[in-house]
Amino acid sequence: MAPALTLKHLSPEAYWYFFKTLTFGSTDPEMHPRLAQLAMEIARLQIRSINSAYTTSNLLRDNFSIQFWCKVLSFLRGFIQKHICKFGVHPFELLNKNEPVQLGRMASPSEDFIICHQYHRSPHEEVPEIRLQDVFYGSIKKNGKFEVLVWRSQIPPYYSYVHACEIRERKNTGAKRKRCMKDGTTSS
């Protein structure tokens, strides 16, 4: 079997074209200027990650709603900013280096979603049924360690790209909240 084609980072213009084509398919983005603007901002946040392009474009293509795309953009901005503040590096930079990365989940903000490592499987090997976008953006109820399908190549050697993941419940480390005031005193 032939080795898989390895892509280096695309230029910003080439990445935008790639992401736009995956997201809009045969639909003309000029017919949806607000969606095109949102898609361009989402693509910019992904710092030219091929895996992220596949994951996010599949999600957006399945829901052509400005409100939903705004929600995805807001989620991406928030978790990327938190990750940079906490770890000092963009999460997709770690993914591009195949290093573990801690992400959030759009539907379950009380959980940490960790991608431990990524690899590919040949077309003859079994692949997970759970898709990355269903865990990252959706409401899949899963805890512990498991695998997700990121995307399947449409060109030879037809590899499937898989992430080994883990979902952990966040530990509540916040300060104890004060209860309502009764008679001018606070109870805790």
Protein backbone atom coordinates (compact mmCIF):
# COMPACT_ATOMS: atom_id res chain seq x y z
CA MET A 1 0.00 0.00 0.00
CA ALA A 2 1.24 3.48 -0.84
CA PRO A 3 2.20 5.81 2.00
CA ALA A 4 -0.26 8.52 2.92
CA LEU A 5 0.25 11.96 1.47
CA THR A 6 1.47 14.36 4.14
CA LEU A 7 0.39 17.97 3.82
CA LYS A 8 2.42 20.75 5.32
CA HIS A 9 0.70 23.94 6.43
CA LEU A 10 -1.21 25.58 3.63
CA SER A 11 -0.90 29.29 3.03
CA PRO A 12 -3.74 31.30 4.61
CA GLU A 13 -5.31 31.80 1.17
CA ALA A 14 -5.05 28.11 0.25
CA TYR A 15 -6.42 27.09 3.65
CA TRP A 16 -9.37 29.45 3.28
CA TYR A 17 -10.14 27.98 -0.15
CA PHE A 18 -9.85 24.44 1.27
CA PHE A 19 -12.07 25.23 4.27
CA LYS A 20 -14.62 27.15 2.16
CA THR A 21 -14.86 24.28 -0.33
CA LEU A 22 -15.35 21.72 2.45
CA THR A 23 -17.90 23.91 4.23
CA PHE A 24 -20.00 25.19 1.34
CA GLY A 25 -19.53 22.34 -1.14
CA SER A 26 -21.31 23.25 -4.36
CA THR A 27 -23.19 26.12 -2.69
CA ASP A 28 -21.90 29.53 -3.75
CA PRO A 29 -20.63 31.30 -0.60
CA GLU A 30 -21.43 34.66 -2.23
CA MET A 31 -25.11 33.71 -1.92
CA HIS A 32 -24.58 33.63 1.87
CA PRO A 33 -22.24 36.56 2.63
CA ARG A 34 -22.79 36.50 6.41
CA LEU A 35 -22.10 32.75 6.57
CA ALA A 36 -19.02 33.25 4.39
CA GLN A 37 -17.78 35.95 6.78
CA LEU A 38 -18.33 33.66 9.79
CA ALA A 39 -16.64 30.75 7.99
CA MET A 40 -13.62 32.94 7.23
CA GLU A 41 -13.28 33.89 10.90
CA ILE A 42 -13.67 30.26 12.00
CA ALA A 43 -11.02 29.20 9.47
CA ARG A 44 -8.66 31.89 10.77
CA LEU A 45 -9.04 30.63 14.35
CA GLN A 46 -8.09 27.10 13.32
CA ILE A 47 -4.59 28.22 12.30
CA ARG A 48 -4.66 26.10 9.15
CA SER A 49 -5.30 22.74 10.84
CA ILE A 50 -6.41 20.16 8.26
CA ASN A 51 -8.14 17.95 10.86
CA SER A 52 -9.98 20.95 12.29
CA ALA A 53 -11.07 21.97 8.81
CA TYR A 54 -12.70 18.59 8.23
CA THR A 55 -14.32 18.46 11.66
CA THR A 56 -15.71 21.99 11.71
CA SER A 57 -16.73 22.13 8.05
CA ASN A 58 -18.78 18.93 8.44
CA LEU A 59 -20.54 20.45 11.41
CA LEU A 60 -21.25 23.76 9.68
CA ARG A 61 -22.38 22.12 6.45
CA ASP A 62 -24.95 20.11 8.41
CA ASN A 63 -26.47 23.26 9.93
CA PHE A 64 -26.70 26.27 7.59
CA SER A 65 -27.90 28.67 10.29
CA ILE A 66 -26.31 32.02 11.13
CA GLN A 67 -27.22 31.57 14.80
CA PHE A 68 -25.54 28.16 14.94
CA TRP A 69 -22.42 29.34 13.12
CA CYS A 70 -22.19 32.32 15.52
CA LYS A 71 -22.45 29.89 18.44
CA VAL A 72 -19.62 27.76 17.00
CA LEU A 73 -17.46 30.86 16.44
CA SER A 74 -18.11 32.11 19.97
CA PHE A 75 -17.30 28.69 21.42
CA LEU A 76 -14.04 28.45 19.44
CA ARG A 77 -12.96 31.94 20.46
CA GLY A 78 -13.70 31.22 24.11
CA PHE A 79 -11.98 27.87 24.44
CA ILE A 80 -8.95 28.98 22.39
CA GLN A 81 -8.55 32.09 24.55
CA LYS A 82 -8.87 30.03 27.76
CA HIS A 83 -6.35 27.49 26.48
CA ILE A 84 -3.82 30.17 25.56
CA CYS A 85 -4.25 31.84 28.96
CA LYS A 86 -3.91 28.55 30.84
CA PHE A 87 -1.22 26.79 28.78
CA GLY A 88 0.42 29.61 26.79
CA VAL A 89 -0.14 27.98 23.40
CA HIS A 90 -2.92 27.73 20.83
CA PRO A 91 -4.58 24.29 21.18
CA PHE A 92 -4.44 23.58 17.44
CA GLU A 93 -0.65 24.09 17.51
CA LEU A 94 -0.46 21.17 19.94
CA LEU A 95 -2.80 19.10 17.77
CA ASN A 96 -0.69 19.82 14.71
CA LYS A 97 2.34 18.46 16.62
CA ASN A 98 0.35 15.39 17.78
CA GLU A 99 0.70 16.44 21.41
CA PRO A 100 -2.05 16.05 24.03
CA VAL A 101 -4.44 18.97 24.22
CA GLN A 102 -7.22 19.88 26.63
CA LEU A 103 -10.34 21.20 24.94
CA GLY A 104 -13.79 22.17 26.07
CA ARG A 105 -17.14 20.88 24.87
CA MET A 106 -19.78 23.17 23.44
CA ALA A 107 -22.75 21.17 24.78
CA SER A 108 -21.16 20.18 28.11
CA PRO A 109 -19.06 23.03 29.49
CA SER A 110 -18.60 21.17 32.79
CA GLU A 111 -16.41 18.55 31.10
CA ASP A 112 -12.86 18.57 29.81
CA PHE A 113 -12.29 16.90 26.48
CA ILE A 114 -8.70 15.73 26.08
CA ILE A 115 -7.19 14.55 22.82
CA CYS A 116 -4.32 12.30 23.82
CA HIS A 117 -2.88 11.46 20.41
CA GLN A 118 -3.85 11.02 16.78
CA TYR A 119 -3.11 8.36 14.22
CA HIS A 120 -4.51 6.84 11.05
CA ARG A 121 -5.96 3.48 10.17
CA SER A 122 -5.99 1.65 6.88
CA PRO A 123 -9.29 1.07 5.10
CA HIS A 124 -9.21 -2.56 6.27
CA GLU A 125 -9.12 -1.67 9.96
CA GLU A 126 -12.13 -0.94 12.12
CA VAL A 127 -12.77 2.73 12.85
CA PRO A 128 -14.80 4.34 15.63
CA GLU A 129 -18.41 5.20 14.93
CA ILE A 130 -18.32 8.34 17.09
CA ARG A 131 -17.22 11.41 15.14
CA LEU A 132 -15.04 14.11 16.66
CA GLN A 133 -17.56 16.87 15.93
CA ASP A 134 -20.25 14.92 17.80
CA VAL A 135 -18.11 14.96 20.95
CA PHE A 136 -16.54 18.41 20.58
CA TYR A 137 -19.67 20.29 19.53
CA GLY A 138 -22.45 17.81 20.26
CA SER A 139 -24.04 16.14 23.22
CA ILE A 140 -22.54 12.64 23.03
CA LYS A 141 -22.63 11.21 26.55
CA LYS A 142 -19.28 9.53 27.01
CA ASN A 143 -16.84 9.40 29.91
CA GLY A 144 -13.37 7.97 30.23
CA LYS A 145 -11.10 6.99 27.36
CA PHE A 146 -12.33 6.25 23.84
CA GLU A 147 -11.57 6.87 20.17
CA VAL A 148 -13.24 9.21 17.70
CA LEU A 149 -13.21 9.38 13.92
CA VAL A 150 -11.86 12.71 12.72
CA TRP A 151 -12.23 12.16 8.96
CA ARG A 152 -11.84 9.62 6.17
CA SER A 153 -9.63 10.33 3.22
CA GLN A 154 -11.31 10.21 -0.18
CA ILE A 155 -8.01 9.59 -1.96
CA PRO A 156 -5.72 6.55 -1.85
CA PRO A 157 -4.67 5.00 0.45
CA TYR A 158 -8.06 5.94 2.00
CA TYR A 159 -6.87 6.22 5.58
CA SER A 160 -9.22 7.11 8.40
CA TYR A 161 -7.86 9.62 10.88
CA VAL A 162 -8.59 8.84 14.52
CA HIS A 163 -8.00 10.55 17.87
CA ALA A 164 -7.58 8.76 21.18
CA CYS A 165 -9.58 10.88 23.64
CA GLU A 166 -10.76 11.18 27.19
CA ILE A 167 -13.62 13.08 28.79
CA ARG A 168 -13.28 14.09 32.41
CA GLU A 169 -15.79 15.78 34.64
CA ARG A 170 -14.33 19.08 35.85
CA LYS A 171 -13.67 19.23 39.55
CA ASN A 172 -15.44 22.10 41.21
CA THR A 173 -12.61 24.19 42.63
CA GLY A 174 -14.54 27.43 42.90
CA ALA A 175 -15.15 29.23 46.14
CA LYS A 176 -18.19 28.27 48.12
CA ARG A 177 -21.14 30.39 47.07
CA LYS A 178 -22.97 32.41 49.62
CA ARG A 179 -26.65 31.79 50.04
CA CYS A 180 -29.38 34.35 50.10
CA MET A 181 -29.38 36.95 52.81
CA LYS A 182 -31.93 36.53 55.56
CA ASP A 183 -32.52 39.32 58.01
CA GLY A 184 -29.36 41.10 56.83
CA THR A 185 -27.04 38.12 57.52
CA THR A 186 -25.47 35.77 55.03
CA SER A 187 -25.53 32.03 55.54
CA SER A 188 -23.12 29.67 53.82
